[in-house]
C-alpha atoms as a PDB file:
ATOM      1  CA  UNK A   1      34.229  69.513  90.377  1.00  0.00           C
ATOM      2  CA  UNK A   2      35.228  71.615  87.997  1.00  0.00           C
ATOM      3  CA  UNK A   3      36.110  68.002  85.525  1.00  0.00           C
ATOM      4  CA  UNK A   4      32.684  66.198  85.805  1.00  0.00           C
ATOM      5  CA  UNK A   5      31.351  68.055  82.398  1.00  0.00           C
ATOM      6  CA  UNK A   6      34.358  66.263  80.286  1.00  0.00           C
ATOM      7  CA  UNK A   7      33.614  62.764  81.537  1.00  0.00           C
ATOM      8  CA  UNK A   8      29.364  62.999  80.961  1.00  0.00           C
ATOM      9  CA  UNK A   9      30.251  63.469  76.740  1.00  0.00           C
ATOM     10  CA  UNK A  10      33.133  60.415  76.839  1.00  0.00           C
ATOM     11  CA  UNK A  11      30.734  58.366  78.314  1.00  0.00           C
ATOM     12  CA  UNK A  12      28.030  59.488  75.773  1.00  0.00           C
ATOM     13  CA  UNK A  13      30.647  58.639  72.819  1.00  0.00           C
ATOM     14  CA  UNK A  14      31.380  55.073  74.358  1.00  0.00           C
ATOM     15  CA  UNK A  15      27.646  54.243  74.759  1.00  0.00           C
ATOM     16  CA  UNK A  16      26.612  55.304  71.156  1.00  0.00           C
ATOM     17  CA  UNK A  17      29.329  53.090  69.759  1.00  0.00           C
ATOM     18  CA  UNK A  18      28.151  49.960  71.606  1.00  0.00           C
ATOM     19  CA  UNK A  19      24.201  50.913  70.575  1.00  0.00           C
ATOM     20  CA  UNK A  20      25.751  50.865  66.852  1.00  0.00           C
ATOM     21  CA  UNK A  21      27.490  47.136  67.319  1.00  0.00           C
ATOM     22  CA  UNK A  22      24.031  45.800  68.211  1.00  0.00           C
ATOM     23  CA  UNK A  23      21.708  46.898  64.658  1.00  0.00           C
ATOM     24  CA  UNK A  24      20.264  44.161  63.474  1.00  0.00           C
ATOM     25  CA  UNK A  25      21.560  41.455  60.309  1.00  0.00           C
ATOM     26  CA  UNK A  26      19.401  40.103  57.546  1.00  0.00           C
ATOM     27  CA  UNK A  27      16.506  41.891  59.296  1.00  0.00           C
ATOM     28  CA  UNK A  28      16.919  40.135  62.828  1.00  0.00           C
ATOM     29  CA  UNK A  29      16.752  42.199  65.698  1.00  0.00           C
ATOM     30  CA  UNK A  30      19.580  41.693  68.578  1.00  0.00           C
ATOM     31  CA  UNK A  31      21.700  39.769  66.782  1.00  0.00           C
ATOM     32  CA  UNK A  32      25.491  40.919  67.093  1.00  0.00           C
ATOM     33  CA  UNK A  33      27.525  42.185  64.487  1.00  0.00           C
ATOM     34  CA  UNK A  34      30.913  41.257  66.177  1.00  0.00           C
ATOM     35  CA  UNK A  35      30.449  37.488  65.457  1.00  0.00           C
ATOM     36  CA  UNK A  36      34.235  37.022  65.250  1.00  0.00           C
ATOM     37  CA  UNK A  37      34.961  38.019  69.108  1.00  0.00           C
ATOM     38  CA  UNK A  38      36.807  35.803  71.170  1.00  0.00           C
ATOM     39  CA  UNK A  39      35.007  34.066  74.214  1.00  0.00           C
ATOM     40  CA  UNK A  40      34.964  36.275  77.317  1.00  0.00           C
ATOM     41  CA  UNK A  41      35.672  39.236  75.356  1.00  0.00           C
ATOM     42  CA  UNK A  42      32.008  40.033  74.932  1.00  0.00           C
ATOM     43  CA  UNK A  43      32.676  43.715  76.803  1.00  0.00           C
ATOM     44  CA  UNK A  44      35.792  44.084  74.706  1.00  0.00           C
ATOM     45  CA  UNK A  45      35.518  47.824  73.556  1.00  0.00           C
ATOM     46  CA  UNK A  46      35.592  48.781  70.032  1.00  0.00           C
ATOM     47  CA  UNK A  47      37.961  50.067  67.576  1.00  0.00           C
ATOM     48  CA  UNK A  48      38.871  53.271  67.588  1.00  0.00           C
ATOM     49  CA  UNK A  49      38.081  53.363  63.878  1.00  0.00           C
ATOM     50  CA  UNK A  50      35.170  54.571  62.780  1.00  0.00           C
ATOM     51  CA  UNK A  51      32.530  51.926  62.097  1.00  0.00           C
ATOM     52  CA  UNK A  52      30.959  51.294  58.649  1.00  0.00           C
ATOM     53  CA  UNK A  53      27.557  51.538  58.821  1.00  0.00           C
ATOM     54  CA  UNK A  54      25.558  48.628  57.648  1.00  0.00           C
ATOM     55  CA  UNK A  55      22.808  48.899  55.455  1.00  0.00           C
ATOM     56  CA  UNK A  56      19.719  46.094  56.195  1.00  0.00           C
ATOM     57  CA  UNK A  57      19.877  43.104  53.921  1.00  0.00           C
ATOM     58  CA  UNK A  58      16.305  44.311  52.461  1.00  0.00           C
ATOM     59  CA  UNK A  59      18.224  47.337  51.316  1.00  0.00           C
ATOM     60  CA  UNK A  60      21.295  45.490  49.718  1.00  0.00           C
ATOM     61  CA  UNK A  61      21.378  46.766  45.991  1.00  0.00           C
ATOM     62  CA  UNK A  62      21.455  43.574  44.143  1.00  0.00           C
ATOM     63  CA  UNK A  63      24.671  42.096  42.470  1.00  0.00           C
ATOM     64  CA  UNK A  64      25.197  42.584  38.814  1.00  0.00           C
ATOM     65  CA  UNK A  65      24.290  39.310  37.328  1.00  0.00           C
ATOM     66  CA  UNK A  66      26.976  37.812  35.603  1.00  0.00           C
ATOM     67  CA  UNK A  67      25.899  37.184  32.024  1.00  0.00           C
ATOM     68  CA  UNK A  68      26.013  33.105  31.299  1.00  0.00           C
ATOM     69  CA  UNK A  69      27.033  31.978  28.230  1.00  0.00           C
ATOM     70  CA  UNK A  70      24.703  29.095  27.025  1.00  0.00           C
ATOM     71  CA  UNK A  71      27.245  26.270  25.921  1.00  0.00           C
ATOM     72  CA  UNK A  72      27.653  26.159  21.978  1.00  0.00           C
ATOM     73  CA  UNK A  73      25.905  23.187  20.358  1.00  0.00           C
ATOM     74  CA  UNK A  74      28.060  20.704  19.754  1.00  0.00           C
ATOM     75  CA  UNK A  75      28.898  19.876  16.163  1.00  0.00           C
ATOM     76  CA  UNK A  76      28.200  15.997  15.072  1.00  0.00           C
ATOM     77  CA  UNK A  77      31.363  14.554  13.442  1.00  0.00           C
ATOM     78  CA  UNK A  78      30.747  10.730  12.067  1.00  0.00           C
ATOM     79  CA  UNK A  79      32.689   8.462  13.207  1.00  0.00           C
ATOM     80  CA  UNK A  80      33.401   5.031  13.416  1.00  0.00           C
ATOM     81  CA  UNK A  81      31.248   4.615  16.412  1.00  0.00           C
ATOM     82  CA  UNK A  82      27.813   5.774  14.633  1.00  0.00           C
ATOM     83  CA  UNK A  83      24.940   3.437  14.152  1.00  0.00           C
ATOM     84  CA  UNK A  84      25.570   2.316  10.663  1.00  0.00           C
ATOM     85  CA  UNK A  85      23.247   2.595   8.275  1.00  0.00           C
ATOM     86  CA  UNK A  86      21.238  -0.291   6.843  1.00  0.00           C
ATOM     87  CA  UNK A  87      22.729  -1.530   3.702  1.00  0.00           C
ATOM     88  CA  UNK A  88      20.055  -1.635   0.853  1.00  0.00           C
ATOM     89  CA  UNK A  89      21.722  -3.977  -1.049  1.00  0.00           C
ATOM     90  CA  UNK A  90      21.559  -6.504   2.207  1.00  0.00           C
ATOM     91  CA  UNK A  91      17.881  -5.773   1.992  1.00  0.00           C
ATOM     92  CA  UNK A  92      17.274  -6.426  -1.454  1.00  0.00           C
ATOM     93  CA  UNK A  93      19.518  -9.803  -1.734  1.00  0.00           C
ATOM     94  CA  UNK A  94      16.789 -12.748  -3.214  1.00  0.00           C
ATOM     95  CA  UNK A  95      15.712 -15.592  -1.037  1.00  0.00           C
ATOM     96  CA  UNK A  96      15.761 -18.718  -1.119  1.00  0.00           C
ATOM     97  CA  UNK A  97      12.319 -19.827  -3.004  1.00  0.00           C
ATOM     98  CA  UNK A  98      10.247 -23.097  -3.790  1.00  0.00           C
ATOM     99  CA  UNK A  99       7.034 -24.265  -5.683  1.00  0.00           C
ATOM    100  CA  UNK A 100       5.695 -27.772  -6.296  1.00  0.00           C
ATOM    101  CA  UNK A 101       2.714 -28.615  -7.723  1.00  0.00           C
ATOM    102  CA  UNK A 102       3.043 -32.300  -6.905  1.00  0.00           C
ATOM    103  CA  UNK A 103       0.812 -34.102  -4.494  1.00  0.00           C
ATOM    104  CA  UNK A 104       0.476 -37.756  -4.155  1.00  0.00           C
ATOM    105  CA  UNK A 105      -1.190 -39.794  -6.576  1.00  0.00           C
ATOM    106  CA  UNK A 106      -0.490 -37.895  -9.355  1.00  0.00           C
ATOM    107  CA  UNK A 107       2.697 -39.759 -11.310  1.00  0.00           C
ATOM    108  CA  UNK A 108       1.547 -41.998 -13.858  1.00  0.00           C
ATOM    109  CA  UNK A 109       4.188 -44.737 -15.196  1.00  0.00           C
ATOM    110  CA  UNK A 110       3.775 -45.314 -19.014  1.00  0.00           C
ATOM    111  CA  UNK A 111       2.481 -48.631 -19.790  1.00  0.00           C
ATOM    112  CA  UNK A 112       4.448 -49.276 -22.903  1.00  0.00           C
ATOM    113  CA  UNK A 113       7.566 -47.984 -23.946  1.00  0.00           C
ATOM    114  CA  UNK A 114       6.127 -45.969 -26.330  1.00  0.00           C
ATOM    115  CA  UNK A 115       3.444 -44.162 -24.334  1.00  0.00           C
ATOM    116  CA  UNK A 116       5.657 -41.883 -22.553  1.00  0.00           C
ATOM    117  CA  UNK A 117       3.626 -38.780 -24.005  1.00  0.00           C
ATOM    118  CA  UNK A 118       0.611 -40.502 -22.770  1.00  0.00           C
ATOM    119  CA  UNK A 119       1.476 -40.672 -19.450  1.00  0.00           C
ATOM    120  CA  UNK A 120       3.032 -37.261 -19.488  1.00  0.00           C
ATOM    121  CA  UNK A 121      -0.120 -36.020 -20.563  1.00  0.00           C
ATOM    122  CA  UNK A 122      -1.925 -37.865 -18.086  1.00  0.00           C
ATOM    123  CA  UNK A 123       0.294 -36.626 -14.764  1.00  0.00           C
ATOM    124  CA  UNK A 124      -0.037 -32.873 -16.717  1.00  0.00           C
ATOM    125  CA  UNK A 125      -3.918 -33.351 -16.164  1.00  0.00           C
ATOM    126  CA  UNK A 126      -3.669 -34.750 -12.332  1.00  0.00           C
ATOM    127  CA  UNK A 127      -1.165 -31.541 -11.396  1.00  0.00           C
ATOM    128  CA  UNK A 128      -3.668 -29.020 -12.685  1.00  0.00           C
ATOM    129  CA  UNK A 129      -6.753 -31.278 -10.625  1.00  0.00           C
ATOM    130  CA  UNK A 130      -8.561 -32.200 -13.772  1.00  0.00           C
ATOM    131  CA  UNK A 131      -9.663 -35.869 -11.823  1.00  0.00           C
ATOM    132  CA  UNK A 132      -8.187 -37.383 -14.466  1.00  0.00           C
ATOM    133  CA  UNK A 133      -8.004 -41.246 -15.043  1.00  0.00           C
ATOM    134  CA  UNK A 134      -4.622 -43.240 -14.361  1.00  0.00           C
ATOM    135  CA  UNK A 135      -6.428 -46.597 -16.439  1.00  0.00           C
ATOM    136  CA  UNK A 136      -4.286 -48.071 -19.141  1.00  0.00           C
ATOM    137  CA  UNK A 137      -7.354 -46.929 -21.542  1.00  0.00           C
ATOM    138  CA  UNK A 138      -7.409 -43.579 -20.555  1.00  0.00           C
ATOM    139  CA  UNK A 139      -3.443 -43.249 -21.360  1.00  0.00           C
ATOM    140  CA  UNK A 140      -3.841 -44.980 -24.622  1.00  0.00           C
ATOM    141  CA  UNK A 141      -6.815 -42.536 -25.837  1.00  0.00           C
ATOM    142  CA  UNK A 142      -4.285 -39.212 -25.024  1.00  0.00           C
ATOM    143  CA  UNK A 143      -1.499 -41.112 -26.813  1.00  0.00           C
ATOM    144  CA  UNK A 144      -3.274 -41.756 -29.759  1.00  0.00           C
ATOM    145  CA  UNK A 145      -4.755 -38.013 -29.985  1.00  0.00           C
ATOM    146  CA  UNK A 146      -1.262 -36.741 -29.404  1.00  0.00           C
ATOM    147  CA  UNK A 147      -0.079 -39.223 -32.319  1.00  0.00           C
ATOM    148  CA  UNK A 148      -2.892 -37.474 -34.580  1.00  0.00           C
ATOM    149  CA  UNK A 149      -2.194 -34.395 -33.591  1.00  0.00           C
ATOM    150  CA  UNK A 150       1.935 -34.955 -34.610  1.00  0.00           C
ATOM    151  CA  UNK A 151       2.143 -35.613 -38.392  1.00  0.00           C
ATOM    152  CA  UNK A 152       4.711 -37.447 -38.122  1.00  0.00           C
ATOM    153  CA  UNK A 153       5.994 -39.714 -40.797  1.00  0.00           C
ATOM    154  CA  UNK A 154       7.144 -42.275 -38.159  1.00  0.00           C
ATOM    155  CA  UNK A 155       3.672 -42.570 -36.747  1.00  0.00           C
ATOM    156  CA  UNK A 156       4.589 -42.235 -33.024  1.00  0.00           C
ATOM    157  CA  UNK A 157       3.487 -38.860 -30.685  1.00  0.00           C
ATOM    158  CA  UNK A 158       6.350 -36.260 -30.996  1.00  0.00           C
ATOM    159  CA  UNK A 159       6.648 -32.700 -28.793  1.00  0.00           C
ATOM    160  CA  UNK A 160       4.440 -31.043 -31.622  1.00  0.00           C
ATOM    161  CA  UNK A 161       1.401 -33.574 -31.151  1.00  0.00           C
ATOM    162  CA  UNK A 162       1.951 -33.334 -26.967  1.00  0.00           C
ATOM    163  CA  UNK A 163       1.546 -29.320 -27.344  1.00  0.00           C
ATOM    164  CA  UNK A 164      -1.557 -29.486 -29.603  1.00  0.00           C
ATOM    165  CA  UNK A 165      -3.207 -32.445 -27.171  1.00  0.00           C
ATOM    166  CA  UNK A 166      -3.198 -29.865 -24.376  1.00  0.00           C
ATOM    167  CA  UNK A 167      -4.669 -27.425 -26.068  1.00  0.00           C
ATOM    168  CA  UNK A 168      -7.067 -29.667 -27.199  1.00  0.00           C
ATOM    169  CA  UNK A 169      -7.877 -31.052 -23.831  1.00  0.00           C
ATOM    170  CA  UNK A 170      -8.509 -27.239 -22.563  1.00  0.00           C
ATOM    171  CA  UNK A 171      -6.182 -27.093 -19.643  1.00  0.00           C
ATOM    172  CA  UNK A 172      -5.118 -23.747 -20.747  1.00  0.00           C
ATOM    173  CA  UNK A 173      -3.013 -22.278 -23.477  1.00  0.00           C
ATOM    174  CA  UNK A 174       0.536 -24.336 -24.330  1.00  0.00           C
ATOM    175  CA  UNK A 175       3.498 -23.862 -27.086  1.00  0.00           C
ATOM    176  CA  UNK A 176       6.344 -25.432 -28.109  1.00  0.00           C
ATOM    177  CA  UNK A 177       9.534 -23.289 -27.410  1.00  0.00           C
ATOM    178  CA  UNK A 178      13.179 -23.927 -28.495  1.00  0.00           C
ATOM    179  CA  UNK A 179      15.797 -22.175 -25.748  1.00  0.00           C
ATOM    180  CA  UNK A 180      18.963 -21.608 -27.019  1.00  0.00           C
ATOM    181  CA  UNK A 181      20.961 -21.766 -23.699  1.00  0.00           C
ATOM    182  CA  UNK A 182      20.462 -24.301 -20.831  1.00  0.00           C
ATOM    183  CA  UNK A 183      20.342 -22.236 -17.699  1.00  0.00           C
ATOM    184  CA  UNK A 184      17.922 -19.621 -19.868  1.00  0.00           C
ATOM    185  CA  UNK A 185      15.468 -22.912 -20.415  1.00  0.00           C
ATOM    186  CA  UNK A 186      15.278 -23.338 -16.522  1.00  0.00           C
ATOM    187  CA  UNK A 187      14.816 -19.938 -15.781  1.00  0.00           C
ATOM    188  CA  UNK A 188      11.769 -19.642 -18.454  1.00  0.00           C
ATOM    189  CA  UNK A 189      10.529 -22.919 -17.394  1.00  0.00           C
ATOM    190  CA  UNK A 190      10.700 -21.960 -13.458  1.00  0.00           C
ATOM    191  CA  UNK A 191       8.894 -18.476 -14.451  1.00  0.00           C
ATOM    192  CA  UNK A 192       6.254 -20.153 -16.648  1.00  0.00           C
ATOM    193  CA  UNK A 193       5.263 -22.755 -14.165  1.00  0.00           C
ATOM    194  CA  UNK A 194       4.678 -20.117 -11.148  1.00  0.00           C
ATOM    195  CA  UNK A 195       3.102 -17.641 -12.878  1.00  0.00           C
ATOM    196  CA  UNK A 196       0.333 -20.098 -14.418  1.00  0.00           C
ATOM    197  CA  UNK A 197       0.881 -22.504 -11.919  1.00  0.00           C
ATOM    198  CA  UNK A 198       0.698 -25.698 -14.989  1.00  0.00           C
ATOM    199  CA  UNK A 199       3.478 -28.352 -15.557  1.00  0.00           C
ATOM    200  CA  UNK A 200       6.278 -27.507 -18.057  1.00  0.00           C
ATOM    201  CA  UNK A 201       6.529 -30.799 -20.582  1.00  0.00           C
ATOM    202  CA  UNK A 202      10.741 -31.304 -21.034  1.00  0.00           C
ATOM    203  CA  UNK A 203      11.652 -32.948 -24.400  1.00  0.00           C
ATOM    204  CA  UNK A 204      14.576 -35.221 -23.055  1.00  0.00           C
ATOM    205  CA  UNK A 205      17.734 -37.668 -25.236  1.00  0.00           C
ATOM    206  CA  UNK A 206      17.372 -35.136 -27.971  1.00  0.00           C
ATOM    207  CA  UNK A 207      13.767 -35.125 -28.508  1.00  0.00           C
ATOM    208  CA  UNK A 208      12.828 -38.957 -27.946  1.00  0.00           C
ATOM    209  CA  UNK A 209      11.229 -38.993 -24.217  1.00  0.00           C
ATOM    210  CA  UNK A 210       8.702 -36.997 -22.319  1.00  0.00           C
ATOM    211  CA  UNK A 211       9.139 -35.913 -18.614  1.00  0.00           C
ATOM    212  CA  UNK A 212       7.051 -33.448 -16.568  1.00  0.00           C
ATOM    213  CA  UNK A 213       8.426 -30.287 -14.749  1.00  0.00           C
ATOM    214  CA  UNK A 214       6.145 -30.056 -11.635  1.00  0.00           C
ATOM    215  CA  UNK A 215       8.087 -27.470  -9.180  1.00  0.00           C
ATOM    216  CA  UNK A 216      11.892 -26.094  -8.374  1.00  0.00           C
ATOM    217  CA  UNK A 217      13.528 -24.325  -6.261  1.00  0.00           C
ATOM    218  CA  UNK A 218      15.242 -21.055  -6.701  1.00  0.00           C
ATOM    219  CA  UNK A 219      17.544 -18.066  -5.374  1.00  0.00           C
ATOM    220  CA  UNK A 220      14.781 -15.333  -5.478  1.00  0.00           C
ATOM    221  CA  UNK A 221      11.251 -15.332  -6.874  1.00  0.00           C
ATOM    222  CA  UNK A 222      10.604 -15.633 -10.165  1.00  0.00           C
ATOM    223  CA  UNK A 223       7.608 -13.312 -10.530  1.00  0.00           C
ATOM    224  CA  UNK A 224       9.430 -10.589  -8.169  1.00  0.00           C
ATOM    225  CA  UNK A 225      13.382 -10.967  -8.755  1.00  0.00           C
ATOM    226  CA  UNK A 226      14.425 -10.852 -12.480  1.00  0.00           C
ATOM    227  CA  UNK A 227      18.159 -12.040 -11.473  1.00  0.00           C
ATOM    228  CA  UNK A 228      16.694 -15.574 -10.265  1.00  0.00           C
ATOM    229  CA  UNK A 229      18.505 -18.498 -10.504  1.00  0.00           C
ATOM    230  CA  UNK A 230      17.265 -22.343 -10.308  1.00  0.00           C
ATOM    231  CA  UNK A 231      19.202 -24.574  -7.950  1.00  0.00           C
ATOM    232  CA  UNK A 232      16.727 -27.565  -8.059  1.00  0.00           C
ATOM    233  CA  UNK A 233      14.155 -28.915 -10.172  1.00  0.00           C
ATOM    234  CA  UNK A 234      11.040 -31.460  -9.680  1.00  0.00           C
ATOM    235  CA  UNK A 235      10.680 -33.963 -12.280  1.00  0.00           C
ATOM    236  CA  UNK A 236       8.220 -36.941 -13.050  1.00  0.00           C
ATOM    237  CA  UNK A 237       9.737 -39.357 -15.869  1.00  0.00           C
ATOM    238  CA  UNK A 238       6.561 -41.689 -16.630  1.00  0.00           C
ATOM    239  CA  UNK A 239       9.530 -44.612 -17.435  1.00  0.00           C
ATOM    240  CA  UNK A 240      10.260 -44.810 -13.700  1.00  0.00           C
ATOM    241  CA  UNK A 241      11.769 -47.180 -12.407  1.00  0.00           C
ATOM    242  CA  UNK A 242      13.298 -48.711 -15.651  1.00  0.00           C
ATOM    243  CA  UNK A 243      15.271 -45.913 -17.028  1.00  0.00           C
ATOM    244  CA  UNK A 244      17.637 -46.015 -19.786  1.00  0.00           C
ATOM    245  CA  UNK A 245      20.707 -47.779 -20.346  1.00  0.00           C
ATOM    246  CA  UNK A 246      22.007 -45.178 -22.833  1.00  0.00           C
ATOM    247  CA  UNK A 247      20.684 -41.836 -20.427  1.00  0.00           C
ATOM    248  CA  UNK A 248      20.721 -43.655 -17.022  1.00  0.00           C
ATOM    249  CA  UNK A 249      18.317 -44.391 -14.348  1.00  0.00           C
ATOM    250  CA  UNK A 250      15.195 -42.857 -13.850  1.00  0.00           C
ATOM    251  CA  UNK A 251      14.957 -40.118 -10.839  1.00  0.00           C
ATOM    252  CA  UNK A 252      11.878 -41.344  -8.525  1.00  0.00           C
ATOM    253  CA  UNK A 253       8.430 -39.035  -8.600  1.00  0.00           C
ATOM    254  CA  UNK A 254       8.813 -35.915  -7.740  1.00  0.00           C
ATOM    255  CA  UNK A 255      12.651 -36.143  -7.096  1.00  0.00           C
ATOM    256  CA  UNK A 256      14.476 -32.813  -6.873  1.00  0.00           C
ATOM    257  CA  UNK A 257      16.966 -32.807  -9.281  1.00  0.00           C
ATOM    258  CA  UNK A 258      20.146 -30.279  -9.490  1.00  0.00           C
ATOM    259  CA  UNK A 259      20.866 -28.415 -12.975  1.00  0.00           C
ATOM    260  CA  UNK A 260      23.550 -30.399 -13.352  1.00  0.00           C
ATOM    261  CA  UNK A 261      22.144 -34.027 -12.841  1.00  0.00           C
ATOM    262  CA  UNK A 262      19.377 -32.479 -14.884  1.00  0.00           C
ATOM    263  CA  UNK A 263      21.408 -31.680 -17.390  1.00  0.00           C
ATOM    264  CA  UNK A 264      22.395 -35.511 -17.949  1.00  0.00           C
ATOM    265  CA  UNK A 265      19.416 -36.240 -19.630  1.00  0.00           C
ATOM    266  CA  UNK A 266      17.816 -32.787 -20.317  1.00  0.00           C
ATOM    267  CA  UNK A 267      19.778 -31.930 -23.804  1.00  0.00           C
ATOM    268  CA  UNK A 268      19.653 -29.773 -26.615  1.00  0.00           C
ATOM    269  CA  UNK A 269      18.089 -31.104 -29.961  1.00  0.00           C
ATOM    270  CA  UNK A 270      20.374 -29.824 -32.678  1.00  0.00           C
ATOM    271  CA  UNK A 271      20.466 -30.410 -36.697  1.00  0.00           C
ATOM    272  CA  UNK A 272      22.249 -33.955 -35.624  1.00  0.00           C
ATOM    273  CA  UNK A 273      19.507 -34.988 -34.380  1.00  0.00           C
ATOM    274  CA  UNK A 274      16.736 -33.252 -35.689  1.00  0.00           C
ATOM    275  CA  UNK A 275      14.489 -36.201 -37.638  1.00  0.00           C
ATOM    276  CA  UNK A 276      11.242 -34.623 -37.629  1.00  0.00           C
ATOM    277  CA  UNK A 277      10.535 -31.028 -38.502  1.00  0.00           C
ATOM    278  CA  UNK A 278       9.283 -29.539 -35.178  1.00  0.00           C
ATOM    279  CA  UNK A 279       9.243 -25.612 -36.640  1.00  0.00           C
ATOM    280  CA  UNK A 280      11.656 -24.761 -33.532  1.00  0.00           C
ATOM    281  CA  UNK A 281      15.156 -23.873 -33.859  1.00  0.00           C
ATOM    282  CA  UNK A 282      18.144 -25.709 -32.503  1.00  0.00           C
ATOM    283  CA  UNK A 283      17.966 -25.892 -28.160  1.00  0.00           C
ATOM    284  CA  UNK A 284      16.235 -27.106 -25.211  1.00  0.00           C
ATOM    285  CA  UNK A 285      12.861 -27.980 -25.846  1.00  0.00           C
ATOM    286  CA  UNK A 286      10.054 -27.142 -23.502  1.00  0.00           C
ATOM    287  CA  UNK A 287       6.493 -27.652 -23.757  1.00  0.00           C
ATOM    288  CA  UNK A 288       5.365 -24.221 -22.389  1.00  0.00           C
ATOM    289  CA  UNK A 289       2.483 -23.081 -20.329  1.00  0.00           C
ATOM    290  CA  UNK A 290       1.345 -19.600 -21.415  1.00  0.00           C
ATOM    291  CA  UNK A 291      -0.338 -17.091 -19.159  1.00  0.00           C
END
């Protein structure tokens, strides 16, 4: 009877320990704290060590955030795989170009072996849409006009009379020019033809024959590209289809000749074959339209 008071305090301690193991976790009442107890040990005696008081989740101070370092901006280094920049030189490369005044019906043959200038005048008028008559009588009148303006001691029509006749006929201003170098003569002729849209007269055979240049092909546009290069010349030879035993066959009308092929008959006029004073120096002669 005298030991009963000692048992009661022990029971009170055990009850308090069991009550401490049933505190809420994360704010959910009744969730057991000893979640790792083995099966069948739900009534196991709590350890003798004093339990660490649990603080409700809502009261747990937040962890100190770890500073996050932003990744450094990567340095761009040019490599072989980088997208290549467009090459300016490639964009500026001259493109193939062509220009031609010729239409069907513009060609007129010369009716005599002397009237090459008369026939060339007829064709040049046709090329500028002057509705020119292609009759023999008309060709004779044009030849006589050029002859009268030539002042030739031989009584024929020469490049000076050819040029003067064009100016008198009112198809635009023309001038007789002599270009020392062949390649430059082709460039001058092509540029004038493109700018004026009028044909060019070619003085052939050292000054003895007349052809008409009606068009050309080139690398580059003469109006835009200073370094353009002539690759073909379209010609009208009024002597077609006869040709010459000395100079070769006449090309068919509107034939595109290479510069090398044209050079066989379009030759330089110099002091050795300057039988008539044309008031121009030696070179390749052009009856040139002027803007």
